Amino acid sequence: MRIFGLLAAAAVLAGCQSEEQFRQQWRQTAVTACVDASRTQPLPAGLDANRICNCSINRIMAGKSAADLRDHQAGAADAEAARQCAIEALGAEA
């Protein structure tokens, strides 16, 4: 999945925030970018973009500091997070 191509926008967030504020803003921006990207590359039937994006972003953010997120570059690990979330979502639907 290429729904994480817009994550770079999340890394541009401004600086005078607490770590938690930055993480919340980064998460919101990343989820929005992910959902927007899913509109150009639709997900398979039965998958909800909001659910997949929230799950994926949670996985991407796990264990990362604000500094880690500022430096985050979308890559294969992001695509793998989305794939695992999709598999879990499909399994939950069964």
Protein backbone atom coordinates (compact mmCIF):
# COMPACT_ATOMS: atom_id res chain seq x y z
CA MET A 1 0.00 0.00 0.00
CA ARG A 2 1.18 3.47 -0.77
CA ILE A 3 -1.14 5.27 1.63
CA PHE A 4 1.80 6.64 3.58
CA GLY A 5 3.28 8.82 0.87
CA LEU A 6 1.84 11.89 2.59
CA LEU A 7 3.44 11.21 5.96
CA ALA A 8 6.19 13.67 5.12
CA ALA A 9 3.67 16.44 5.72
CA ALA A 10 3.33 15.28 9.31
CA ALA A 11 7.05 15.73 9.86
CA VAL A 12 6.83 19.43 9.03
CA LEU A 13 4.79 20.31 12.10
CA ALA A 14 5.92 23.42 14.00
CA GLY A 15 8.21 23.31 16.97
CA CYS A 16 7.09 25.04 20.22
CA GLN A 17 4.99 22.17 21.54
CA SER A 18 5.38 19.70 24.34
CA GLU A 19 6.34 16.20 23.32
CA GLU A 20 2.78 14.97 23.88
CA GLN A 21 1.27 17.87 21.93
CA PHE A 22 3.62 17.18 19.05
CA ARG A 23 2.79 13.45 19.09
CA GLN A 24 -0.95 14.21 19.07
CA GLN A 25 -0.58 16.70 16.21
CA TRP A 26 1.66 14.32 14.27
CA ARG A 27 -0.84 11.50 14.74
CA GLN A 28 -3.78 13.62 13.60
CA THR A 29 -1.90 14.87 10.54
CA ALA A 30 -0.66 11.38 9.66
CA VAL A 31 -4.10 9.76 9.98
CA THR A 32 -5.67 12.52 7.87
CA ALA A 33 -2.96 12.13 5.20
CA CYS A 34 -3.45 8.36 5.21
CA VAL A 35 -7.24 8.61 4.83
CA ASP A 36 -6.85 11.21 2.07
CA ALA A 37 -4.37 8.95 0.25
CA SER A 38 -6.80 6.03 0.47
CA ARG A 39 -9.22 8.04 -1.66
CA THR A 40 -6.77 8.03 -4.56
CA GLN A 41 -5.81 4.37 -4.06
CA PRO A 42 -8.97 2.77 -2.71
CA LEU A 43 -8.70 -0.06 -0.24
CA PRO A 44 -10.12 -3.48 -1.04
CA ALA A 45 -13.82 -4.00 -0.31
CA GLY A 46 -14.58 -4.50 3.34
CA LEU A 47 -11.71 -2.37 4.64
CA ASP A 48 -12.40 0.94 6.35
CA ALA A 49 -9.74 3.60 5.72
CA ASN A 50 -10.21 5.23 9.13
CA ARG A 51 -9.75 1.94 10.91
CA ILE A 52 -6.70 0.90 8.86
CA CYS A 53 -5.09 4.33 9.11
CA ASN A 54 -5.60 4.64 12.87
CA CYS A 55 -4.22 1.15 13.41
CA SER A 56 -1.26 1.77 11.12
CA ILE A 57 -0.34 5.12 12.62
CA ASN A 58 -0.56 3.66 16.12
CA ARG A 59 1.90 0.94 15.08
CA ILE A 60 4.23 3.44 13.41
CA MET A 61 4.23 5.68 16.48
CA ALA A 62 4.71 2.89 19.02
CA GLY A 63 7.86 3.47 21.04
CA LYS A 64 8.87 6.59 19.09
CA SER A 65 9.64 9.95 20.64
CA ALA A 66 8.67 13.29 19.15
CA ALA A 67 12.23 13.57 17.81
CA ASP A 68 11.89 10.16 16.13
CA LEU A 69 8.63 11.27 14.54
CA ARG A 70 10.14 14.55 13.32
CA ASP A 71 12.76 12.50 11.48
CA HIS A 72 10.34 9.81 10.29
CA GLN A 73 10.60 8.83 6.65
CA ALA A 74 7.80 6.73 5.23
CA GLY A 75 9.07 3.36 4.08
CA ALA A 76 8.63 -0.37 4.00
CA ALA A 77 7.90 -0.60 7.73
CA ASP A 78 4.92 1.72 7.25
CA ALA A 79 3.58 -0.38 4.41
CA GLU A 80 4.02 -3.49 6.57
CA ALA A 81 2.10 -1.83 9.42
CA ALA A 82 -0.77 -1.08 7.02
CA ARG A 83 -0.68 -4.64 5.67
CA GLN A 84 -0.86 -6.14 9.17
CA CYS A 85 -3.72 -3.82 10.11
CA ALA A 86 -5.61 -4.82 6.95
CA ILE A 87 -5.09 -8.51 7.70
CA GLU A 88 -6.36 -8.01 11.26
CA ALA A 89 -9.36 -6.02 10.03
CA LEU A 90 -10.27 -8.69 7.51
CA GLY A 91 -9.91 -11.36 10.19
CA ALA A 92 -12.21 -9.40 12.51
CA GLU A 93 -14.81 -9.22 9.75
CA ALA A 94 -14.85 -13.00 9.30
